[in-house]
Amino acid sequence: MVSEDEPVAGELTIGGRRRSFTIRLPRAVPDGRQVPLVLALHGNHPEAGGWMMREWTTFDKQADTWGFAVAYPDGHEGCWSDGRGVTTADEAGVDDVAFLRAIVDRSAARYGTSPDRTVVAGVSNGAFMAHRFALEASAQVAVLAAVAGGLPAALRELQPTHAVSAMLIHGTADGYSPIEGGYSRHRGPNGELRGRTLSLRETAERWRTVDRCPPGPGRTRTTAFSRRTSADGGVGGTRVVAWTVIGGGHTWPGVPAAPDLAEPSTQECDAAEEICRFAEPLLVPADARRL
């Protein structure tokens, strides 16, 4: 396993398109431990890229603390083909699942990261894409973390081959992607509604069903600023946590909202740190998660 302080640039050709990303490797790795890879997916903006998640979150710091590698992929024209059918990447037929799969494989081959214990984490359009990748590449993905983005309704019936633990974080005051679910703000050519996503509750229920978690309400922990409901005991020890951020907007917890985004942001926790803490005991190999 190679250790680096600075991210390493990478490029792949997928479906005839040149795609780029960077990987930040941890400074130190315990002997004999295969390092997991975190894919950090940005939201939809014409100028967005992996650099945004690197600057906006603390995943670089978490890489050293937890001994994880972190990849920061660049979306196609600032967005992802997340399955809702509303983004530029969707409309262009971009195969982002193949792109992210290739990053996992490239990192495993060059840097020795685990090929089947990936953590995919995203916000907004990146969260929708994280759901899609976890469903379609479940043999590679051990943990999903979706911030401000429920499961796209169009993907609801997809049946993954492996169980995936899920941390689902959503704010009650999210004005862009409401916690109750709904349609995209991007209407069709005739003004029709499209791109529906499920609510936080429905999304958690779907992942609990996928993972075959035992029935029941689960365990709930409540603070002044959040409510976390956990369901344990899925295949391979998988877990699903639905984390309601009370008063939180379309933002990444622990980071102030962008100046051009008038949405409240909670400082109760650091989402990147919480995702790594959640993921660390759940990095189960694919054989143990097979459905």
C-alpha atoms as a PDB file:
ATOM      1  CA  MET A   1       0.000   0.000   0.000  1.00  0.00           C
ATOM      2  CA  VAL A   2       1.420   3.352  -1.051  1.00  0.00           C
ATOM      3  CA  SER A   3       1.002   6.321   1.296  1.00  0.00           C
ATOM      4  CA  GLU A   4       0.760   9.883   0.003  1.00  0.00           C
ATOM      5  CA  ASP A   5       0.163  13.287   1.599  1.00  0.00           C
ATOM      6  CA  GLU A   6      -1.162  14.852  -1.582  1.00  0.00           C
ATOM      7  CA  PRO A   7      -3.875  13.523  -3.901  1.00  0.00           C
ATOM      8  CA  VAL A   8      -2.812  11.586  -6.975  1.00  0.00           C
ATOM      9  CA  ALA A   9      -4.511  12.590 -10.217  1.00  0.00           C
ATOM     10  CA  GLY A  10      -6.056   9.880 -12.352  1.00  0.00           C
ATOM     11  CA  GLU A  11      -7.787   9.631 -15.703  1.00  0.00           C
ATOM     12  CA  LEU A  12      -9.875   6.914 -17.341  1.00  0.00           C
ATOM     13  CA  THR A  13     -11.696   6.546 -20.640  1.00  0.00           C
ATOM     14  CA  ILE A  14     -15.232   5.264 -20.111  1.00  0.00           C
ATOM     15  CA  GLY A  15     -17.646   4.915 -23.020  1.00  0.00           C
ATOM     16  CA  GLY A  16     -15.387   7.056 -25.184  1.00  0.00           C
ATOM     17  CA  ARG A  17     -15.314   9.883 -22.612  1.00  0.00           C
ATOM     18  CA  ARG A  18     -12.224  10.964 -20.709  1.00  0.00           C
ATOM     19  CA  ARG A  19     -13.035  11.020 -16.999  1.00  0.00           C
ATOM     20  CA  SER A  20     -10.894  12.371 -14.197  1.00  0.00           C
ATOM     21  CA  PHE A  21     -10.513  11.921 -10.451  1.00  0.00           C
ATOM     22  CA  THR A  22      -7.993  12.266  -7.635  1.00  0.00           C
ATOM     23  CA  ILE A  23      -7.154   9.851  -4.821  1.00  0.00           C
ATOM     24  CA  ARG A  24      -5.903  10.875  -1.385  1.00  0.00           C
ATOM     25  CA  LEU A  25      -4.128   8.009   0.371  1.00  0.00           C
ATOM     26  CA  PRO A  26      -3.665   7.817   4.148  1.00  0.00           C
ATOM     27  CA  ARG A  27      -0.284   8.729   5.635  1.00  0.00           C
ATOM     28  CA  ALA A  28      -0.051   5.520   7.646  1.00  0.00           C
ATOM     29  CA  VAL A  29      -1.721   2.121   7.392  1.00  0.00           C
ATOM     30  CA  PRO A  30      -1.649  -0.660  10.010  1.00  0.00           C
ATOM     31  CA  ASP A  31       0.379  -3.666   8.879  1.00  0.00           C
ATOM     32  CA  GLY A  32      -1.663  -6.362   7.184  1.00  0.00           C
ATOM     33  CA  ARG A  33      -4.829  -4.269   6.901  1.00  0.00           C
ATOM     34  CA  GLN A  34      -6.391  -3.793   3.491  1.00  0.00           C
ATOM     35  CA  VAL A  35      -7.368  -0.159   3.147  1.00  0.00           C
ATOM     36  CA  PRO A  36     -10.968   0.707   2.262  1.00  0.00           C
ATOM     37  CA  LEU A  37     -11.697   3.308  -0.404  1.00  0.00           C
ATOM     38  CA  VAL A  38     -14.189   6.136   0.073  1.00  0.00           C
ATOM     39  CA  LEU A  39     -15.785   7.589  -3.077  1.00  0.00           C
ATOM     40  CA  ALA A  40     -16.818  11.183  -2.272  1.00  0.00           C
ATOM     41  CA  LEU A  41     -19.417  12.433  -4.781  1.00  0.00           C
ATOM     42  CA  HIS A  42     -20.182  16.130  -5.226  1.00  0.00           C
ATOM     43  CA  GLY A  43     -23.543  17.725  -5.969  1.00  0.00           C
ATOM     44  CA  ASN A  44     -24.838  19.153  -9.255  1.00  0.00           C
ATOM     45  CA  HIS A  45     -23.347  22.475 -10.341  1.00  0.00           C
ATOM     46  CA  PRO A  46     -21.836  23.481 -13.706  1.00  0.00           C
ATOM     47  CA  GLU A  47     -18.489  24.197 -12.020  1.00  0.00           C
ATOM     48  CA  ALA A  48     -18.553  21.245  -9.608  1.00  0.00           C
ATOM     49  CA  GLY A  49     -15.806  18.644  -9.440  1.00  0.00           C
ATOM     50  CA  GLY A  50     -14.096  16.388  -6.972  1.00  0.00           C
ATOM     51  CA  TRP A  51     -12.133  19.373  -5.681  1.00  0.00           C
ATOM     52  CA  MET A  52     -15.372  20.657  -4.146  1.00  0.00           C
ATOM     53  CA  MET A  53     -15.778  17.651  -1.832  1.00  0.00           C
ATOM     54  CA  ARG A  54     -12.100  17.795  -0.943  1.00  0.00           C
ATOM     55  CA  GLU A  55     -12.289  21.461   0.048  1.00  0.00           C
ATOM     56  CA  TRP A  56     -15.775  21.323   1.547  1.00  0.00           C
ATOM     57  CA  THR A  57     -15.466  18.221   3.735  1.00  0.00           C
ATOM     58  CA  THR A  58     -12.887  16.801   6.130  1.00  0.00           C
ATOM     59  CA  PHE A  59     -12.384  13.525   4.279  1.00  0.00           C
ATOM     60  CA  ASP A  60      -8.650  14.242   3.871  1.00  0.00           C
ATOM     61  CA  LYS A  61      -8.342  14.477   7.648  1.00  0.00           C
ATOM     62  CA  GLN A  62     -10.493  11.392   8.132  1.00  0.00           C
ATOM     63  CA  ALA A  63      -8.262   9.467   5.702  1.00  0.00           C
ATOM     64  CA  ASP A  64      -5.379   9.811   8.142  1.00  0.00           C
ATOM     65  CA  THR A  65      -7.468   9.283  11.278  1.00  0.00           C
ATOM     66  CA  TRP A  66      -9.229   6.135  10.084  1.00  0.00           C
ATOM     67  CA  GLY A  67      -6.684   4.798   7.611  1.00  0.00           C
ATOM     68  CA  PHE A  68      -9.005   5.158   4.598  1.00  0.00           C
ATOM     69  CA  ALA A  69      -8.167   6.172   1.047  1.00  0.00           C
ATOM     70  CA  VAL A  70     -10.494   8.768  -0.496  1.00  0.00           C
ATOM     71  CA  ALA A  71     -11.277   9.229  -4.184  1.00  0.00           C
ATOM     72  CA  TYR A  72     -12.752  12.501  -5.440  1.00  0.00           C
ATOM     73  CA  PRO A  73     -14.263  11.821  -8.881  1.00  0.00           C
ATOM     74  CA  ASP A  74     -15.330  14.566 -11.288  1.00  0.00           C
ATOM     75  CA  GLY A  75     -18.864  14.354 -12.615  1.00  0.00           C
ATOM     76  CA  HIS A  76     -19.740  14.875 -16.286  1.00  0.00           C
ATOM     77  CA  GLU A  77     -20.220  18.630 -16.775  1.00  0.00           C
ATOM     78  CA  GLY A  78     -20.582  18.969 -13.007  1.00  0.00           C
ATOM     79  CA  CYS A  79     -23.207  16.271 -12.464  1.00  0.00           C
ATOM     80  CA  TRP A  80     -23.952  12.546 -12.264  1.00  0.00           C
ATOM     81  CA  SER A  81     -26.179  10.166 -14.185  1.00  0.00           C
ATOM     82  CA  ASP A  82     -28.053   9.172 -11.044  1.00  0.00           C
ATOM     83  CA  GLY A  83     -31.043   7.433 -12.655  1.00  0.00           C
ATOM     84  CA  ARG A  84     -33.643  10.164 -12.179  1.00  0.00           C
ATOM     85  CA  GLY A  85     -33.376  11.202 -15.821  1.00  0.00           C
ATOM     86  CA  VAL A  86     -33.055  14.931 -15.106  1.00  0.00           C
ATOM     87  CA  THR A  87     -29.340  15.765 -15.200  1.00  0.00           C
ATOM     88  CA  THR A  88     -27.105  16.639 -18.125  1.00  0.00           C
ATOM     89  CA  ALA A  89     -25.211  13.392 -17.515  1.00  0.00           C
ATOM     90  CA  ASP A  90     -28.461  11.368 -17.539  1.00  0.00           C
ATOM     91  CA  GLU A  91     -29.567  12.969 -20.785  1.00  0.00           C
ATOM     92  CA  ALA A  92     -26.152  12.352 -22.378  1.00  0.00           C
ATOM     93  CA  GLY A  93     -26.280   8.655 -21.491  1.00  0.00           C
ATOM     94  CA  VAL A  94     -23.158   8.821 -19.328  1.00  0.00           C
ATOM     95  CA  ASP A  95     -22.288   5.534 -17.596  1.00  0.00           C
ATOM     96  CA  ASP A  96     -21.220   6.752 -14.185  1.00  0.00           C
ATOM     97  CA  VAL A  97     -21.614   3.306 -12.625  1.00  0.00           C
ATOM     98  CA  ALA A  98     -18.891   2.043 -14.972  1.00  0.00           C
ATOM     99  CA  PHE A  99     -16.740   5.086 -14.154  1.00  0.00           C
ATOM    100  CA  LEU A 100     -16.952   4.546 -10.384  1.00  0.00           C
ATOM    101  CA  ARG A 101     -16.396   0.804 -10.765  1.00  0.00           C
ATOM    102  CA  ALA A 102     -13.249   1.557 -12.744  1.00  0.00           C
ATOM    103  CA  ILE A 103     -11.944   3.884 -10.019  1.00  0.00           C
ATOM    104  CA  VAL A 104     -12.418   1.138  -7.419  1.00  0.00           C
ATOM    105  CA  ASP A 105     -10.580  -1.336  -9.646  1.00  0.00           C
ATOM    106  CA  ARG A 106      -7.769   1.103 -10.517  1.00  0.00           C
ATOM    107  CA  SER A 107      -7.234   1.980  -6.854  1.00  0.00           C
ATOM    108  CA  ALA A 108      -7.152  -1.694  -5.855  1.00  0.00           C
ATOM    109  CA  ALA A 109      -4.643  -2.534  -8.592  1.00  0.00           C
ATOM    110  CA  ARG A 110      -2.310   0.427  -8.026  1.00  0.00           C
ATOM    111  CA  TYR A 111      -2.600   1.164  -4.327  1.00  0.00           C
ATOM    112  CA  GLY A 112      -3.818  -2.075  -2.774  1.00  0.00           C
ATOM    113  CA  THR A 113      -7.159  -0.760  -1.540  1.00  0.00           C
ATOM    114  CA  SER A 114      -9.952  -3.231  -0.919  1.00  0.00           C
ATOM    115  CA  PRO A 115     -11.952  -4.030  -4.076  1.00  0.00           C
ATOM    116  CA  ASP A 116     -15.101  -5.101  -2.200  1.00  0.00           C
ATOM    117  CA  ARG A 117     -15.271  -2.835   0.869  1.00  0.00           C
ATOM    118  CA  THR A 118     -15.867   0.522  -0.763  1.00  0.00           C
ATOM    119  CA  VAL A 119     -17.706   3.354   1.002  1.00  0.00           C
ATOM    120  CA  VAL A 120     -19.686   5.540  -1.411  1.00  0.00           C
ATOM    121  CA  ALA A 121     -20.708   8.893   0.067  1.00  0.00           C
ATOM    122  CA  GLY A 122     -22.438  11.765  -1.684  1.00  0.00           C
ATOM    123  CA  VAL A 123     -24.486  14.897  -1.230  1.00  0.00           C
ATOM    124  CA  SER A 124     -27.545  15.947  -3.267  1.00  0.00           C
ATOM    125  CA  ASN A 125     -27.018  14.695  -6.866  1.00  0.00           C
ATOM    126  CA  GLY A 126     -24.000  12.853  -5.457  1.00  0.00           C
ATOM    127  CA  ALA A 127     -26.269  11.199  -2.875  1.00  0.00           C
ATOM    128  CA  PHE A 128     -28.677  10.021  -5.584  1.00  0.00           C
ATOM    129  CA  MET A 129     -25.682   8.655  -7.485  1.00  0.00           C
ATOM    130  CA  ALA A 130     -24.407   6.945  -4.329  1.00  0.00           C
ATOM    131  CA  HIS A 131     -27.730   5.081  -4.047  1.00  0.00           C
ATOM    132  CA  ARG A 132     -27.453   3.993  -7.664  1.00  0.00           C
ATOM    133  CA  PHE A 133     -23.874   2.816  -7.341  1.00  0.00           C
ATOM    134  CA  ALA A 134     -24.609   0.916  -4.133  1.00  0.00           C
ATOM    135  CA  LEU A 135     -27.489  -0.890  -5.832  1.00  0.00           C
ATOM    136  CA  GLU A 136     -25.748  -1.678  -9.116  1.00  0.00           C
ATOM    137  CA  ALA A 137     -22.268  -2.382  -7.713  1.00  0.00           C
ATOM    138  CA  SER A 138     -23.192  -3.902  -4.354  1.00  0.00           C
ATOM    139  CA  ALA A 139     -20.430  -6.513  -4.557  1.00  0.00           C
ATOM    140  CA  GLN A 140     -17.928  -3.639  -4.402  1.00  0.00           C
ATOM    141  CA  VAL A 141     -19.806  -1.356  -1.992  1.00  0.00           C
ATOM    142  CA  ALA A 142     -19.964  -2.271   1.693  1.00  0.00           C
ATOM    143  CA  VAL A 143     -21.323   1.072   2.937  1.00  0.00           C
ATOM    144  CA  LEU A 144     -23.518   3.792   1.443  1.00  0.00           C
ATOM    145  CA  ALA A 145     -23.772   7.299   2.913  1.00  0.00           C
ATOM    146  CA  ALA A 146     -26.344   9.645   1.356  1.00  0.00           C
ATOM    147  CA  VAL A 147     -26.612  13.254   2.547  1.00  0.00           C
ATOM    148  CA  ALA A 148     -29.609  15.326   1.380  1.00  0.00           C
ATOM    149  CA  GLY A 149     -30.731  12.792  -1.188  1.00  0.00           C
ATOM    150  CA  GLY A 150     -33.287   9.984  -0.997  1.00  0.00           C
ATOM    151  CA  LEU A 151     -33.476   6.924  -3.191  1.00  0.00           C
ATOM    152  CA  PRO A 152     -34.581   7.770  -6.755  1.00  0.00           C
ATOM    153  CA  ALA A 153     -38.014   6.191  -7.264  1.00  0.00           C
ATOM    154  CA  ALA A 154     -36.937   4.825 -10.656  1.00  0.00           C
ATOM    155  CA  LEU A 155     -34.394   2.620  -8.862  1.00  0.00           C
ATOM    156  CA  ARG A 156     -36.764   1.327  -6.207  1.00  0.00           C
ATOM    157  CA  GLU A 157     -37.183  -2.126  -7.728  1.00  0.00           C
ATOM    158  CA  LEU A 158     -33.487  -2.759  -8.408  1.00  0.00           C
ATOM    159  CA  GLN A 159     -32.347  -5.903  -6.607  1.00  0.00           C
ATOM    160  CA  PRO A 160     -28.691  -5.809  -5.596  1.00  0.00           C
ATOM    161  CA  THR A 161     -26.702  -9.008  -5.258  1.00  0.00           C
ATOM    162  CA  HIS A 162     -25.200  -8.044  -1.890  1.00  0.00           C
ATOM    163  CA  ALA A 163     -26.339  -6.297   1.278  1.00  0.00           C
ATOM    164  CA  VAL A 164     -25.012  -2.762   1.842  1.00  0.00           C
ATOM    165  CA  SER A 165     -25.015  -0.854   5.136  1.00  0.00           C
ATOM    166  CA  ALA A 166     -26.564   2.606   4.768  1.00  0.00           C
ATOM    167  CA  MET A 167     -26.283   5.909   6.616  1.00  0.00           C
ATOM    168  CA  LEU A 168     -29.019   8.263   5.393  1.00  0.00           C
ATOM    169  CA  ILE A 169     -28.778  11.904   6.532  1.00  0.00           C
ATOM    170  CA  HIS A 170     -31.495  14.426   5.697  1.00  0.00           C
ATOM    171  CA  GLY A 171     -32.568  17.803   7.093  1.00  0.00           C
ATOM    172  CA  THR A 172     -36.157  18.716   7.909  1.00  0.00           C
ATOM    173  CA  ALA A 173     -35.707  22.175   6.356  1.00  0.00           C
ATOM    174  CA  ASP A 174     -34.220  20.991   3.055  1.00  0.00           C
ATOM    175  CA  GLY A 175     -35.839  23.170   0.424  1.00  0.00           C
ATOM    176  CA  TYR A 176     -34.144  21.592  -2.600  1.00  0.00           C
ATOM    177  CA  SER A 177     -34.626  17.891  -1.903  1.00  0.00           C
ATOM    178  CA  PRO A 178     -37.349  17.676   0.767  1.00  0.00           C
ATOM    179  CA  ILE A 179     -37.067  15.014   3.446  1.00  0.00           C
ATOM    180  CA  GLU A 180     -40.610  13.921   2.482  1.00  0.00           C
ATOM    181  CA  GLY A 181     -39.414  13.127  -1.041  1.00  0.00           C
ATOM    182  CA  GLY A 182     -40.924  14.531  -4.216  1.00  0.00           C
ATOM    183  CA  TYR A 183     -40.060  15.547  -7.751  1.00  0.00           C
ATOM    184  CA  SER A 184     -37.011  17.277  -9.158  1.00  0.00           C
ATOM    185  CA  ARG A 185     -37.083  21.022  -9.733  1.00  0.00           C
ATOM    186  CA  HIS A 186     -35.961  20.258 -13.305  1.00  0.00           C
ATOM    187  CA  ARG A 187     -39.199  19.806 -15.246  1.00  0.00           C
ATOM    188  CA  GLY A 188     -39.579  17.971 -18.532  1.00  0.00           C
ATOM    189  CA  PRO A 189     -39.733  19.739 -21.925  1.00  0.00           C
ATOM    190  CA  ASN A 190     -43.500  20.227 -21.557  1.00  0.00           C
ATOM    191  CA  GLY A 191     -43.329  21.218 -17.918  1.00  0.00           C
ATOM    192  CA  GLU A 192     -44.097  17.717 -16.649  1.00  0.00           C
ATOM    193  CA  LEU A 193     -42.928  16.536 -13.243  1.00  0.00           C
ATOM    194  CA  ARG A 194     -40.111  13.992 -13.274  1.00  0.00           C
ATOM    195  CA  GLY A 195     -37.189  12.617 -11.277  1.00  0.00           C
ATOM    196  CA  ARG A 196     -39.146  11.599  -8.148  1.00  0.00           C
ATOM    197  CA  THR A 197     -37.197  10.561  -5.058  1.00  0.00           C
ATOM    198  CA  LEU A 198     -38.409   8.695  -1.986  1.00  0.00           C
ATOM    199  CA  SER A 199     -38.702  10.190   1.486  1.00  0.00           C
ATOM    200  CA  LEU A 200     -36.107   9.501   4.173  1.00  0.00           C
ATOM    201  CA  ARG A 201     -38.506   7.034   5.810  1.00  0.00           C
ATOM    202  CA  GLU A 202     -39.235   5.199   2.550  1.00  0.00           C
ATOM    203  CA  THR A 203     -35.561   5.151   1.619  1.00  0.00           C
ATOM    204  CA  ALA A 204     -34.603   3.642   4.978  1.00  0.00           C
ATOM    205  CA  GLU A 205     -37.380   1.060   4.687  1.00  0.00           C
ATOM    206  CA  ARG A 206     -36.188   0.054   1.226  1.00  0.00           C
ATOM    207  CA  TRP A 207     -32.596  -0.449   2.381  1.00  0.00           C
ATOM    208  CA  ARG A 208     -33.777  -2.349   5.456  1.00  0.00           C
ATOM    209  CA  THR A 209     -35.731  -4.642   3.134  1.00  0.00           C
ATOM    210  CA  VAL A 210     -32.756  -5.070   0.803  1.00  0.00           C
ATOM    211  CA  ASP A 211     -30.465  -5.954   3.715  1.00  0.00           C
ATOM    212  CA  ARG A 212     -33.084  -8.237   5.314  1.00  0.00           C
ATOM    213  CA  CYS A 213     -32.938  -6.452   8.638  1.00  0.00           C
ATOM    214  CA  PRO A 214     -35.302  -7.955  11.247  1.00  0.00           C
ATOM    215  CA  PRO A 215     -38.736  -6.293  11.455  1.00  0.00           C
ATOM    216  CA  GLY A 216     -39.424  -3.770  14.180  1.00  0.00           C
ATOM    217  CA  PRO A 217     -38.987  -0.067  14.887  1.00  0.00           C
ATOM    218  CA  GLY A 218     -35.253  -0.241  15.535  1.00  0.00           C
ATOM    219  CA  ARG A 219     -33.431   1.892  18.077  1.00  0.00           C
ATOM    220  CA  THR A 220     -33.822   5.679  18.165  1.00  0.00           C
ATOM    221  CA  ARG A 221     -31.436   8.202  19.696  1.00  0.00           C
ATOM    222  CA  THR A 222     -32.689  11.790  19.943  1.00  0.00           C
ATOM    223  CA  THR A 223     -30.823  15.021  20.687  1.00  0.00           C
ATOM    224  CA  ALA A 224     -31.884  18.658  20.502  1.00  0.00           C
ATOM    225  CA  PHE A 225     -30.714  18.759  16.883  1.00  0.00           C
ATOM    226  CA  SER A 226     -31.195  15.274  15.446  1.00  0.00           C
ATOM    227  CA  ARG A 227     -32.932  11.926  15.574  1.00  0.00           C
ATOM    228  CA  ARG A 228     -31.199   8.705  14.530  1.00  0.00           C
ATOM    229  CA  THR A 229     -33.098   5.459  14.011  1.00  0.00           C
ATOM    230  CA  SER A 230     -30.943   2.362  13.555  1.00  0.00           C
ATOM    231  CA  ALA A 231     -31.848  -1.094  12.289  1.00  0.00           C
ATOM    232  CA  ASP A 232     -29.239  -3.789  12.866  1.00  0.00           C
ATOM    233  CA  GLY A 233     -28.904  -7.463  12.022  1.00  0.00           C
ATOM    234  CA  GLY A 234     -28.969  -7.389   8.239  1.00  0.00           C
ATOM    235  CA  VAL A 235     -27.158  -9.936   6.087  1.00  0.00           C
ATOM    236  CA  GLY A 236     -23.458  -9.909   6.917  1.00  0.00           C
ATOM    237  CA  GLY A 237     -24.101  -7.698   9.944  1.00  0.00           C
ATOM    238  CA  THR A 238     -25.286  -4.761   7.832  1.00  0.00           C
ATOM    239  CA  ARG A 239     -27.016  -1.768   9.414  1.00  0.00           C
ATOM    240  CA  VAL A 240     -29.311   1.026   8.226  1.00  0.00           C
ATOM    241  CA  VAL A 241     -29.413   4.385  10.015  1.00  0.00           C
ATOM    242  CA  ALA A 242     -31.928   7.114   9.167  1.00  0.00           C
ATOM    243  CA  TRP A 243     -30.558  10.373  10.572  1.00  0.00           C
ATOM    244  CA  THR A 244     -33.006  13.273  10.690  1.00  0.00           C
ATOM    245  CA  VAL A 245     -31.279  16.636  11.093  1.00  0.00           C
ATOM    246  CA  ILE A 246     -33.816  18.864  12.841  1.00  0.00           C
ATOM    247  CA  GLY A 247     -33.861  22.252  11.139  1.00  0.00           C
ATOM    248  CA  GLY A 248     -31.122  21.227   8.736  1.00  0.00           C
ATOM    249  CA  GLY A 249     -31.172  22.345   5.111  1.00  0.00           C
ATOM    250  CA  HIS A 250     -29.681  21.129   1.840  1.00  0.00           C
ATOM    251  CA  THR A 251     -26.209  21.107   3.328  1.00  0.00           C
ATOM    252  CA  TRP A 252     -23.377  18.881   4.571  1.00  0.00           C
ATOM    253  CA  PRO A 253     -23.460  18.672   8.404  1.00  0.00           C
ATOM    254  CA  GLY A 254     -20.455  20.284  10.032  1.00  0.00           C
ATOM    255  CA  VAL A 255     -19.799  22.677   7.157  1.00  0.00           C
ATOM    256  CA  PRO A 256     -21.300  26.192   6.838  1.00  0.00           C
ATOM    257  CA  ALA A 257     -23.731  26.537   3.950  1.00  0.00           C
ATOM    258  CA  ALA A 258     -22.340  27.965   0.726  1.00  0.00           C
ATOM    259  CA  PRO A 259     -22.783  31.754   0.442  1.00  0.00           C
ATOM    260  CA  ASP A 260     -25.161  31.374  -2.503  1.00  0.00           C
ATOM    261  CA  LEU A 261     -27.268  28.718  -0.743  1.00  0.00           C
ATOM    262  CA  ALA A 262     -29.760  30.152   1.754  1.00  0.00           C
ATOM    263  CA  GLU A 263     -30.196  26.902   3.692  1.00  0.00           C
ATOM    264  CA  PRO A 264     -29.471  26.247   7.392  1.00  0.00           C
ATOM    265  CA  SER A 265     -26.540  23.977   8.241  1.00  0.00           C
ATOM    266  CA  THR A 266     -26.093  22.043  11.471  1.00  0.00           C
ATOM    267  CA  GLN A 267     -22.787  22.099  13.332  1.00  0.00           C
ATOM    268  CA  GLU A 268     -23.775  19.334  15.730  1.00  0.00           C
ATOM    269  CA  CYS A 269     -21.516  16.853  13.950  1.00  0.00           C
ATOM    270  CA  ASP A 270     -19.075  16.448  11.082  1.00  0.00           C
ATOM    271  CA  ALA A 271     -20.735  14.237   8.463  1.00  0.00           C
ATOM    272  CA  ALA A 272     -17.418  12.973   7.050  1.00  0.00           C
ATOM    273  CA  GLU A 273     -16.254  11.881  10.488  1.00  0.00           C
ATOM    274  CA  GLU A 274     -19.622  10.277  11.299  1.00  0.00           C
ATOM    275  CA  ILE A 275     -19.627   8.397   7.986  1.00  0.00           C
ATOM    276  CA  CYS A 276     -16.159   6.967   8.641  1.00  0.00           C
ATOM    277  CA  ARG A 277     -17.074   6.045  12.218  1.00  0.00           C
ATOM    278  CA  PHE A 278     -20.237   4.318  10.979  1.00  0.00           C
ATOM    279  CA  ALA A 279     -18.400   2.520   8.194  1.00  0.00           C
ATOM    280  CA  GLU A 280     -15.349   1.254  10.085  1.00  0.00           C
ATOM    281  CA  PRO A 281     -16.995  -1.785  11.770  1.00  0.00           C
ATOM    282  CA  LEU A 282     -19.173  -2.526   8.727  1.00  0.00           C
ATOM    283  CA  LEU A 283     -16.485  -3.040   6.097  1.00  0.00           C
ATOM    284  CA  VAL A 284     -17.535  -6.605   5.410  1.00  0.00           C
ATOM    285  CA  PRO A 285     -16.204  -8.511   2.387  1.00  0.00           C
ATOM    286  CA  ALA A 286     -18.606  -9.323  -0.427  1.00  0.00           C
ATOM    287  CA  ASP A 287     -18.784 -13.054   0.341  1.00  0.00           C
ATOM    288  CA  ALA A 288     -20.299 -12.309   3.756  1.00  0.00           C
ATOM    289  CA  ARG A 289     -22.851  -9.852   2.322  1.00  0.00           C
ATOM    290  CA  ARG A 290     -24.189 -12.006  -0.514  1.00  0.00           C
ATOM    291  CA  LEU A 291     -28.000 -12.072  -0.692  1.00  0.00           C
END
